[in-house]
Amino acid sequence: MAEQKLVLGVAGMPGSGKSLVLKVAKENGYDAVVMGDVVRQEAEKKNLQPNPENIGKIMLELREKEGKDVIAKDASQK
């Protein structure tokens, strides 16, 4: 029988508590995938500051080139 997994998605505006949820999950032994890390890593590869303007541009470029699910696909490989 295949192992069952619980997948929990958390979204919200800056300051809404996403990082706190991540911290508590990790403290309780859960793995975590932060999809924003994919875009921040791309900014780093391009030697761009990870500010909102650059992150937004990179996110849109990635989605245009590789499809709307590019971030989720890349994050799931981590």
N, C-alpha and C. Protein backbone atom coordinates (compact mmCIF):
# COMPACT_ATOMS: atom_id res chain seq x y z
N MET A 1 0.83 -1.18 0.00
CA MET A 1 0.00 0.00 0.00
C MET A 1 0.88 1.25 0.00
N ALA A 2 0.51 2.24 -0.78
CA ALA A 2 1.28 3.47 -0.88
C ALA A 2 1.17 4.27 0.42
N GLU A 3 2.25 4.93 0.75
CA GLU A 3 2.27 5.78 1.93
C GLU A 3 1.35 6.97 1.73
N GLN A 4 0.56 7.28 2.72
CA GLN A 4 -0.31 8.44 2.63
C GLN A 4 0.45 9.67 3.10
N LYS A 5 0.19 10.78 2.43
CA LYS A 5 0.84 12.03 2.79
C LYS A 5 -0.21 13.10 2.99
N LEU A 6 0.05 13.97 3.90
CA LEU A 6 -0.78 15.14 4.12
C LEU A 6 -0.09 16.31 3.43
N VAL A 7 -0.81 16.99 2.58
CA VAL A 7 -0.28 18.17 1.90
C VAL A 7 -1.11 19.36 2.33
N LEU A 8 -0.44 20.36 2.84
CA LEU A 8 -1.11 21.56 3.32
C LEU A 8 -0.54 22.75 2.58
N GLY A 9 -1.39 23.52 1.98
CA GLY A 9 -0.96 24.74 1.28
C GLY A 9 -1.27 25.95 2.13
N VAL A 10 -0.33 26.86 2.20
CA VAL A 10 -0.52 28.09 2.98
C VAL A 10 -0.23 29.26 2.06
N ALA A 11 -1.15 30.18 2.00
CA ALA A 11 -0.97 31.39 1.19
C ALA A 11 -1.44 32.59 2.00
N GLY A 12 -0.92 33.73 1.67
CA GLY A 12 -1.37 34.93 2.37
C GLY A 12 -0.50 36.12 2.03
N MET A 13 -0.98 37.24 2.44
CA MET A 13 -0.26 38.49 2.23
C MET A 13 0.98 38.55 3.12
N PRO A 14 1.94 39.42 2.79
CA PRO A 14 3.10 39.59 3.66
C PRO A 14 2.64 39.93 5.09
N GLY A 15 3.26 39.26 6.05
CA GLY A 15 2.93 39.52 7.45
C GLY A 15 1.73 38.77 7.97
N SER A 16 1.18 37.86 7.17
CA SER A 16 -0.04 37.15 7.59
C SER A 16 0.22 35.92 8.45
N GLY A 17 1.49 35.52 8.60
CA GLY A 17 1.81 34.40 9.47
C GLY A 17 2.30 33.14 8.77
N LYS A 18 2.57 33.22 7.49
CA LYS A 18 3.03 32.03 6.75
C LYS A 18 4.34 31.49 7.34
N SER A 19 5.26 32.37 7.67
CA SER A 19 6.54 31.93 8.24
C SER A 19 6.35 31.26 9.59
N LEU A 20 5.41 31.73 10.38
CA LEU A 20 5.12 31.11 11.67
C LEU A 20 4.58 29.70 11.48
N VAL A 21 3.68 29.52 10.52
CA VAL A 21 3.15 28.19 10.21
C VAL A 21 4.29 27.27 9.79
N LEU A 22 5.18 27.76 8.95
CA LEU A 22 6.33 26.98 8.48
C LEU A 22 7.22 26.58 9.66
N LYS A 23 7.49 27.51 10.55
CA LYS A 23 8.34 27.24 11.71
C LYS A 23 7.73 26.15 12.58
N VAL A 24 6.45 26.26 12.88
CA VAL A 24 5.77 25.28 13.73
C VAL A 24 5.75 23.91 13.04
N ALA A 25 5.50 23.89 11.75
CA ALA A 25 5.48 22.62 11.01
C ALA A 25 6.84 21.93 11.09
N LYS A 26 7.92 22.69 10.85
CA LYS A 26 9.26 22.12 10.91
C LYS A 26 9.59 21.63 12.32
N GLU A 27 9.19 22.40 13.34
CA GLU A 27 9.43 21.99 14.73
C GLU A 27 8.72 20.68 15.06
N ASN A 28 7.67 20.38 14.34
CA ASN A 28 6.90 19.16 14.57
C ASN A 28 7.25 18.05 13.58
N GLY A 29 8.37 18.20 12.89
CA GLY A 29 8.89 17.14 12.04
C GLY A 29 8.34 17.06 10.63
N TYR A 30 7.61 18.07 10.19
CA TYR A 30 7.07 18.06 8.83
C TYR A 30 8.09 18.64 7.85
N ASP A 31 8.10 18.12 6.65
CA ASP A 31 8.90 18.70 5.58
C ASP A 31 8.15 19.90 5.03
N ALA A 32 8.88 20.82 4.44
CA ALA A 32 8.23 22.01 3.90
C ALA A 32 8.85 22.39 2.57
N VAL A 33 8.03 22.83 1.67
CA VAL A 33 8.46 23.36 0.38
C VAL A 33 7.95 24.79 0.31
N VAL A 34 8.86 25.72 0.13
CA VAL A 34 8.49 27.13 0.04
C VAL A 34 8.64 27.53 -1.42
N MET A 35 7.51 27.70 -2.08
CA MET A 35 7.56 27.97 -3.52
C MET A 35 8.26 29.28 -3.85
N GLY A 36 8.18 30.25 -2.96
CA GLY A 36 8.87 31.52 -3.19
C GLY A 36 10.38 31.36 -3.27
N ASP A 37 10.90 30.30 -2.63
CA ASP A 37 12.35 30.06 -2.69
C ASP A 37 12.81 29.79 -4.11
N VAL A 38 11.96 29.18 -4.92
CA VAL A 38 12.30 28.90 -6.32
C VAL A 38 12.58 30.22 -7.06
N VAL A 39 11.72 31.19 -6.86
CA VAL A 39 11.87 32.48 -7.54
C VAL A 39 13.07 33.24 -6.98
N ARG A 40 13.25 33.19 -5.66
CA ARG A 40 14.41 33.87 -5.06
C ARG A 40 15.72 33.26 -5.55
N GLN A 41 15.77 31.95 -5.73
CA GLN A 41 16.98 31.31 -6.26
C GLN A 41 17.25 31.76 -7.70
N GLU A 42 16.19 31.92 -8.46
CA GLU A 42 16.34 32.40 -9.84
C GLU A 42 16.88 33.84 -9.84
N ALA A 43 16.42 34.66 -8.91
CA ALA A 43 16.93 36.03 -8.80
C ALA A 43 18.42 36.00 -8.47
N GLU A 44 18.80 35.10 -7.58
CA GLU A 44 20.21 34.97 -7.22
C GLU A 44 21.06 34.56 -8.43
N LYS A 45 20.55 33.61 -9.22
CA LYS A 45 21.27 33.18 -10.43
C LYS A 45 21.49 34.34 -11.39
N LYS A 46 20.52 35.25 -11.42
CA LYS A 46 20.59 36.39 -12.34
C LYS A 46 21.26 37.60 -11.70
N ASN A 47 21.79 37.44 -10.50
CA ASN A 47 22.43 38.53 -9.75
C ASN A 47 21.51 39.73 -9.57
N LEU A 48 20.25 39.44 -9.26
CA LEU A 48 19.27 40.49 -9.01
C LEU A 48 18.90 40.50 -7.53
N GLN A 49 18.64 41.67 -7.02
CA GLN A 49 18.17 41.78 -5.64
C GLN A 49 16.79 41.13 -5.54
N PRO A 50 16.53 40.39 -4.46
CA PRO A 50 15.22 39.75 -4.32
C PRO A 50 14.17 40.71 -3.78
N ASN A 51 13.99 41.83 -4.46
CA ASN A 51 12.98 42.79 -4.05
C ASN A 51 11.66 42.47 -4.76
N PRO A 52 10.56 43.02 -4.29
CA PRO A 52 9.26 42.69 -4.89
C PRO A 52 9.19 42.90 -6.40
N GLU A 53 9.80 43.96 -6.90
CA GLU A 53 9.75 44.24 -8.35
C GLU A 53 10.46 43.13 -9.14
N ASN A 54 11.67 42.77 -8.73
CA ASN A 54 12.42 41.73 -9.44
C ASN A 54 11.75 40.36 -9.30
N ILE A 55 11.28 40.05 -8.12
CA ILE A 55 10.63 38.75 -7.89
C ILE A 55 9.39 38.64 -8.79
N GLY A 56 8.62 39.72 -8.86
CA GLY A 56 7.43 39.71 -9.71
C GLY A 56 7.77 39.50 -11.18
N LYS A 57 8.80 40.20 -11.66
CA LYS A 57 9.22 40.06 -13.05
C LYS A 57 9.69 38.63 -13.35
N ILE A 58 10.51 38.09 -12.46
CA ILE A 58 11.03 36.74 -12.66
C ILE A 58 9.90 35.73 -12.67
N MET A 59 8.98 35.86 -11.73
CA MET A 59 7.85 34.94 -11.66
C MET A 59 7.05 34.96 -12.96
N LEU A 60 6.77 36.14 -13.47
CA LEU A 60 6.01 36.25 -14.71
C LEU A 60 6.79 35.68 -15.90
N GLU A 61 8.09 35.95 -15.96
CA GLU A 61 8.93 35.41 -17.04
C GLU A 61 8.94 33.89 -17.02
N LEU A 62 9.12 33.31 -15.83
CA LEU A 62 9.16 31.86 -15.72
C LEU A 62 7.83 31.24 -16.17
N ARG A 63 6.74 31.83 -15.73
CA ARG A 63 5.43 31.30 -16.10
C ARG A 63 5.16 31.43 -17.59
N GLU A 64 5.61 32.53 -18.18
CA GLU A 64 5.42 32.73 -19.62
C GLU A 64 6.22 31.71 -20.43
N LYS A 65 7.46 31.47 -20.02
CA LYS A 65 8.35 30.57 -20.75
C LYS A 65 8.01 29.09 -20.54
N GLU A 66 7.64 28.73 -19.29
CA GLU A 66 7.54 27.32 -18.94
C GLU A 66 6.16 26.87 -18.46
N GLY A 67 5.20 27.76 -18.46
CA GLY A 67 3.85 27.39 -18.05
C GLY A 67 3.52 27.87 -16.64
N LYS A 68 2.22 27.94 -16.38
CA LYS A 68 1.75 28.48 -15.11
C LYS A 68 2.15 27.64 -13.91
N ASP A 69 2.45 26.37 -14.11
CA ASP A 69 2.79 25.50 -12.98
C ASP A 69 4.30 25.31 -12.80
N VAL A 70 5.11 26.13 -13.44
CA VAL A 70 6.57 25.97 -13.39
C VAL A 70 7.10 26.05 -11.96
N ILE A 71 6.58 26.94 -11.15
CA ILE A 71 7.08 27.10 -9.79
C ILE A 71 6.77 25.86 -8.96
N ALA A 72 5.56 25.36 -9.06
CA ALA A 72 5.18 24.16 -8.32
C ALA A 72 6.00 22.95 -8.77
N LYS A 73 6.21 22.81 -10.07
CA LYS A 73 7.00 21.69 -10.57
C LYS A 73 8.43 21.76 -10.05
N ASP A 74 9.02 22.94 -10.09
CA ASP A 74 10.40 23.11 -9.63
C ASP A 74 10.48 22.88 -8.12
N ALA A 75 9.54 23.41 -7.39
CA ALA A 75 9.55 23.25 -5.93
C ALA A 75 9.39 21.80 -5.52
N SER A 76 8.62 21.04 -6.28
CA SER A 76 8.39 19.64 -5.94
C SER A 76 9.63 18.77 -6.16
N GLN A 77 10.60 19.29 -6.92
CA GLN A 77 11.84 18.56 -7.18
C GLN A 77 12.84 18.74 -6.04
N LYS A 78 12.56 19.64 -5.14
CA LYS A 78 13.49 19.95 -4.04
C LYS A 78 13.39 18.91 -2.95
